[in-house]
Amino acid sequence: MYAIVRAGGRQEKVAEGDVLTVDRLTGEAGDTLKLQALLVVDGDNVVSKAADLAKFEITAEIIGAVKGPKINIMHYRNKTGYKRRMGHRQPYTEVKITGIKSGKK
């Protein structure tokens, strides 16, 4: 079983036990959170209606904060001797999917 979830402004394909990197989330390591499902695939059964997706609960645990790769930025203006070098590292949060459960009994 896997699901497509909305996480950090993007859509991610997740299954139970997957670790994914999303944009920075509030919370500390060990906190749990729920992700919004956009599509759930269970074998041959595909669920995409909003009413049916509301029955599914996708839980995740925050592993910790990480940083992305360094991006080097260079500003340069011709004939003036102006050069400026900057860098940026985007903050991310690592999240582990702990369960995809349906509300069916």
N, C-alpha and C. Protein backbone atom coordinates (compact mmCIF):
# COMPACT_ATOMS: atom_id res chain seq x y z
N MET A 1 0.86 -1.17 0.00
CA MET A 1 0.00 0.00 0.00
C MET A 1 0.90 1.23 0.00
N TYR A 2 0.53 2.20 -0.82
CA TYR A 2 1.23 3.47 -0.81
C TYR A 2 0.24 4.60 -1.01
N ALA A 3 0.70 5.81 -0.73
CA ALA A 3 -0.18 6.98 -0.83
C ALA A 3 0.61 8.15 -1.42
N ILE A 4 -0.11 9.05 -2.03
CA ILE A 4 0.44 10.32 -2.47
C ILE A 4 -0.04 11.35 -1.44
N VAL A 5 0.89 12.05 -0.80
CA VAL A 5 0.54 13.00 0.25
C VAL A 5 1.05 14.39 -0.12
N ARG A 6 0.43 15.40 0.48
CA ARG A 6 0.88 16.77 0.34
C ARG A 6 1.78 17.07 1.54
N ALA A 7 3.03 17.40 1.24
CA ALA A 7 3.99 17.66 2.32
C ALA A 7 4.94 18.77 1.89
N GLY A 8 4.91 19.86 2.59
CA GLY A 8 5.83 20.95 2.33
C GLY A 8 5.65 21.60 0.97
N GLY A 9 4.41 21.71 0.50
CA GLY A 9 4.15 22.36 -0.78
C GLY A 9 4.38 21.45 -1.98
N ARG A 10 4.76 20.21 -1.76
CA ARG A 10 4.98 19.26 -2.84
C ARG A 10 4.14 18.02 -2.62
N GLN A 11 4.06 17.19 -3.63
CA GLN A 11 3.39 15.91 -3.50
C GLN A 11 4.46 14.82 -3.49
N GLU A 12 4.32 13.90 -2.54
CA GLU A 12 5.32 12.84 -2.37
C GLU A 12 4.62 11.49 -2.35
N LYS A 13 5.25 10.50 -2.95
CA LYS A 13 4.77 9.12 -2.89
C LYS A 13 5.39 8.47 -1.66
N VAL A 14 4.56 7.95 -0.74
CA VAL A 14 5.09 7.38 0.49
C VAL A 14 4.47 6.01 0.75
N ALA A 15 5.23 5.19 1.42
CA ALA A 15 4.77 3.90 1.93
C ALA A 15 5.22 3.83 3.38
N GLU A 16 4.68 2.87 4.11
CA GLU A 16 5.04 2.74 5.52
C GLU A 16 6.53 2.41 5.65
N GLY A 17 7.22 3.16 6.52
CA GLY A 17 8.65 2.97 6.73
C GLY A 17 9.53 3.88 5.90
N ASP A 18 8.96 4.62 4.96
CA ASP A 18 9.76 5.54 4.13
C ASP A 18 10.22 6.74 4.93
N VAL A 19 11.39 7.25 4.59
CA VAL A 19 11.91 8.48 5.18
C VAL A 19 11.97 9.51 4.06
N LEU A 20 11.34 10.66 4.28
CA LEU A 20 11.37 11.70 3.26
C LEU A 20 11.78 13.02 3.87
N THR A 21 12.26 13.89 3.01
CA THR A 21 12.72 15.21 3.41
C THR A 21 11.71 16.23 2.91
N VAL A 22 11.15 17.01 3.82
CA VAL A 22 10.16 18.03 3.46
C VAL A 22 10.64 19.39 3.96
N ASP A 23 9.98 20.45 3.49
CA ASP A 23 10.32 21.78 3.97
C ASP A 23 10.17 21.84 5.48
N ARG A 24 10.84 22.78 6.11
CA ARG A 24 10.92 22.89 7.56
C ARG A 24 9.55 22.85 8.22
N LEU A 25 9.37 21.99 9.19
CA LEU A 25 8.13 21.86 9.96
C LEU A 25 8.41 22.24 11.41
N THR A 26 7.39 22.76 12.06
CA THR A 26 7.53 23.03 13.49
C THR A 26 7.43 21.72 14.25
N GLY A 27 8.16 21.59 15.29
CA GLY A 27 8.14 20.38 16.09
C GLY A 27 9.55 19.89 16.33
N GLU A 28 9.67 18.99 17.28
CA GLU A 28 10.97 18.45 17.66
C GLU A 28 11.05 16.99 17.25
N ALA A 29 12.23 16.43 17.33
CA ALA A 29 12.44 15.03 16.99
C ALA A 29 11.60 14.16 17.92
N GLY A 30 10.90 13.20 17.33
CA GLY A 30 10.04 12.32 18.09
C GLY A 30 8.57 12.70 18.06
N ASP A 31 8.26 13.93 17.66
CA ASP A 31 6.85 14.36 17.55
C ASP A 31 6.19 13.64 16.39
N THR A 32 4.89 13.42 16.51
CA THR A 32 4.13 12.80 15.43
C THR A 32 3.26 13.84 14.74
N LEU A 33 2.97 13.58 13.48
CA LEU A 33 2.10 14.48 12.73
C LEU A 33 1.30 13.67 11.74
N LYS A 34 0.24 14.29 11.21
CA LYS A 34 -0.62 13.65 10.23
C LYS A 34 -0.46 14.39 8.91
N LEU A 35 -0.39 13.62 7.83
CA LEU A 35 -0.25 14.19 6.50
C LEU A 35 -1.55 14.02 5.73
N GLN A 36 -1.82 14.95 4.82
CA GLN A 36 -3.04 14.93 4.04
C GLN A 36 -2.85 14.02 2.82
N ALA A 37 -3.73 13.03 2.66
CA ALA A 37 -3.65 12.10 1.54
C ALA A 37 -4.37 12.68 0.33
N LEU A 38 -3.75 12.56 -0.84
CA LEU A 38 -4.37 12.98 -2.09
C LEU A 38 -4.81 11.79 -2.92
N LEU A 39 -4.15 10.64 -2.70
CA LEU A 39 -4.46 9.42 -3.43
C LEU A 39 -3.91 8.26 -2.62
N VAL A 40 -4.66 7.16 -2.57
CA VAL A 40 -4.20 5.96 -1.87
C VAL A 40 -4.35 4.77 -2.80
N VAL A 41 -3.29 3.98 -2.95
CA VAL A 41 -3.31 2.79 -3.80
C VAL A 41 -3.05 1.59 -2.91
N ASP A 42 -4.01 0.65 -2.92
CA ASP A 42 -3.89 -0.57 -2.14
C ASP A 42 -4.09 -1.74 -3.10
N GLY A 43 -3.00 -2.24 -3.64
CA GLY A 43 -3.10 -3.31 -4.64
C GLY A 43 -3.74 -2.78 -5.91
N ASP A 44 -4.90 -3.35 -6.28
CA ASP A 44 -5.64 -2.88 -7.46
C ASP A 44 -6.64 -1.80 -7.12
N ASN A 45 -6.85 -1.55 -5.84
CA ASN A 45 -7.85 -0.56 -5.40
C ASN A 45 -7.21 0.83 -5.31
N VAL A 46 -7.76 1.80 -6.04
CA VAL A 46 -7.27 3.17 -6.03
C VAL A 46 -8.36 4.07 -5.46
N VAL A 47 -8.02 4.84 -4.42
CA VAL A 47 -8.96 5.75 -3.77
C VAL A 47 -8.53 7.18 -4.06
N SER A 48 -9.44 7.97 -4.66
CA SER A 48 -9.09 9.35 -4.98
C SER A 48 -10.19 10.34 -4.62
N LYS A 49 -11.37 9.86 -4.22
CA LYS A 49 -12.45 10.78 -3.84
C LYS A 49 -12.17 11.37 -2.46
N ALA A 50 -12.49 12.65 -2.32
CA ALA A 50 -12.19 13.35 -1.06
C ALA A 50 -12.91 12.73 0.12
N ALA A 51 -14.15 12.29 -0.07
CA ALA A 51 -14.91 11.69 1.03
C ALA A 51 -14.26 10.38 1.50
N ASP A 52 -13.77 9.60 0.56
CA ASP A 52 -13.13 8.33 0.92
C ASP A 52 -11.73 8.56 1.50
N LEU A 53 -11.03 9.57 1.00
CA LEU A 53 -9.69 9.86 1.51
C LEU A 53 -9.72 10.37 2.94
N ALA A 54 -10.84 10.98 3.35
CA ALA A 54 -10.96 11.48 4.72
C ALA A 54 -10.91 10.33 5.73
N LYS A 55 -11.22 9.11 5.28
CA LYS A 55 -11.19 7.95 6.17
C LYS A 55 -9.77 7.44 6.41
N PHE A 56 -8.83 7.82 5.56
CA PHE A 56 -7.45 7.35 5.70
C PHE A 56 -6.66 8.29 6.59
N GLU A 57 -5.78 7.70 7.38
CA GLU A 57 -4.93 8.48 8.28
C GLU A 57 -3.48 8.09 8.03
N ILE A 58 -2.68 9.08 7.63
CA ILE A 58 -1.27 8.84 7.36
C ILE A 58 -0.48 9.55 8.45
N THR A 59 0.19 8.77 9.28
CA THR A 59 0.93 9.32 10.41
C THR A 59 2.42 9.27 10.11
N ALA A 60 3.13 10.25 10.66
CA ALA A 60 4.57 10.33 10.46
C ALA A 60 5.23 10.80 11.75
N GLU A 61 6.50 10.48 11.88
CA GLU A 61 7.28 10.88 13.05
C GLU A 61 8.44 11.74 12.56
N ILE A 62 8.68 12.84 13.26
CA ILE A 62 9.79 13.72 12.90
C ILE A 62 11.09 13.11 13.40
N ILE A 63 12.03 12.93 12.48
CA ILE A 63 13.34 12.38 12.84
C ILE A 63 14.27 13.50 13.30
N GLY A 64 14.26 14.60 12.56
CA GLY A 64 15.12 15.72 12.94
C GLY A 64 15.26 16.73 11.82
N ALA A 65 15.96 17.80 12.12
CA ALA A 65 16.18 18.86 11.15
C ALA A 65 17.48 18.61 10.39
N VAL A 66 17.46 18.85 9.11
CA VAL A 66 18.65 18.72 8.26
C VAL A 66 18.74 19.94 7.35
N LYS A 67 19.90 20.10 6.72
CA LYS A 67 20.07 21.19 5.77
C LYS A 67 20.33 20.62 4.39
N GLY A 68 19.86 21.34 3.39
CA GLY A 68 20.07 20.93 2.01
C GLY A 68 21.48 21.26 1.54
N PRO A 69 21.76 21.01 0.28
CA PRO A 69 23.09 21.31 -0.24
C PRO A 69 23.34 22.80 -0.32
N LYS A 70 24.59 23.20 -0.24
CA LYS A 70 24.94 24.61 -0.30
C LYS A 70 24.81 25.10 -1.73
N ILE A 71 24.18 26.26 -1.87
CA ILE A 71 24.04 26.92 -3.16
C ILE A 71 24.90 28.17 -3.12
N ASN A 72 25.82 28.29 -4.05
CA ASN A 72 26.69 29.45 -4.13
C ASN A 72 26.07 30.49 -5.05
N ILE A 73 26.05 31.74 -4.60
CA ILE A 73 25.48 32.84 -5.35
C ILE A 73 26.56 33.89 -5.54
N MET A 74 26.74 34.34 -6.76
CA MET A 74 27.77 35.33 -7.06
C MET A 74 27.12 36.53 -7.73
N HIS A 75 27.26 37.71 -7.13
CA HIS A 75 26.79 38.97 -7.72
C HIS A 75 27.99 39.66 -8.35
N TYR A 76 27.83 40.16 -9.54
CA TYR A 76 28.94 40.82 -10.23
C TYR A 76 28.38 41.98 -11.06
N ARG A 77 29.04 43.11 -10.99
CA ARG A 77 28.67 44.26 -11.82
C ARG A 77 29.88 44.62 -12.68
N ASN A 78 29.65 44.70 -13.94
CA ASN A 78 30.71 44.94 -14.91
C ASN A 78 31.34 46.34 -14.74
N LYS A 79 32.64 46.42 -14.85
CA LYS A 79 33.42 47.67 -14.90
C LYS A 79 33.41 48.49 -13.61
N THR A 80 32.90 47.96 -12.51
CA THR A 80 32.87 48.73 -11.26
C THR A 80 33.70 48.09 -10.16
N GLY A 81 34.17 46.89 -10.38
CA GLY A 81 34.94 46.21 -9.36
C GLY A 81 34.06 45.62 -8.26
N TYR A 82 32.74 45.54 -8.50
CA TYR A 82 31.82 45.02 -7.48
C TYR A 82 31.67 43.52 -7.68
N LYS A 83 32.06 42.75 -6.66
CA LYS A 83 31.84 41.31 -6.63
C LYS A 83 31.37 40.95 -5.23
N ARG A 84 30.36 40.11 -5.14
CA ARG A 84 29.86 39.69 -3.83
C ARG A 84 29.52 38.21 -3.92
N ARG A 85 30.03 37.44 -2.98
CA ARG A 85 29.79 36.01 -2.95
C ARG A 85 28.93 35.68 -1.73
N MET A 86 27.86 34.94 -1.96
CA MET A 86 26.97 34.52 -0.87
C MET A 86 26.67 33.04 -1.02
N GLY A 87 26.13 32.46 0.02
CA GLY A 87 25.72 31.06 -0.01
C GLY A 87 24.40 30.89 0.72
N HIS A 88 23.75 29.76 0.46
CA HIS A 88 22.48 29.47 1.11
C HIS A 88 22.33 27.97 1.29
N ARG A 89 21.82 27.57 2.45
CA ARG A 89 21.46 26.16 2.70
C ARG A 89 20.04 26.13 3.22
N GLN A 90 19.16 25.50 2.47
CA GLN A 90 17.74 25.44 2.82
C GLN A 90 17.52 24.49 3.99
N PRO A 91 16.77 24.91 5.02
CA PRO A 91 16.47 24.00 6.13
C PRO A 91 15.34 23.04 5.76
N TYR A 92 15.52 21.78 6.08
CA TYR A 92 14.52 20.74 5.83
C TYR A 92 14.26 19.96 7.12
N THR A 93 13.22 19.15 7.10
CA THR A 93 12.90 18.26 8.21
C THR A 93 12.79 16.85 7.66
N GLU A 94 13.45 15.89 8.28
CA GLU A 94 13.33 14.50 7.89
C GLU A 94 12.15 13.88 8.64
N VAL A 95 11.32 13.17 7.90
CA VAL A 95 10.09 12.59 8.45
C VAL A 95 10.03 11.12 8.06
N LYS A 96 9.68 10.26 9.03
CA LYS A 96 9.51 8.83 8.75
C LYS A 96 8.02 8.49 8.82
N ILE A 97 7.50 7.83 7.79
CA ILE A 97 6.10 7.44 7.74
C ILE A 97 5.92 6.22 8.63
N THR A 98 5.05 6.37 9.63
CA THR A 98 4.85 5.27 10.59
C THR A 98 3.62 4.46 10.31
N GLY A 99 2.67 4.98 9.55
CA GLY A 99 1.48 4.17 9.27
C GLY A 99 0.55 4.80 8.26
N ILE A 100 -0.08 3.93 7.47
CA ILE A 100 -1.16 4.32 6.57
C ILE A 100 -2.33 3.44 6.96
N LYS A 101 -3.32 4.04 7.62
CA LYS A 101 -4.44 3.26 8.14
C LYS A 101 -5.74 3.76 7.54
N SER A 102 -6.62 2.80 7.23
CA SER A 102 -7.94 3.18 6.75
C SER A 102 -8.91 3.10 7.93
N GLY A 103 -9.96 3.90 7.85
CA GLY A 103 -10.94 3.95 8.92
C GLY A 103 -11.97 2.85 8.84
N LYS A 104 -11.83 1.94 7.87
CA LYS A 104 -12.79 0.84 7.71
C LYS A 104 -12.66 -0.13 8.86
N LYS A 105 -13.77 -0.71 9.24
CA LYS A 105 -13.77 -1.70 10.33
C LYS A 105 -14.00 -3.07 9.75
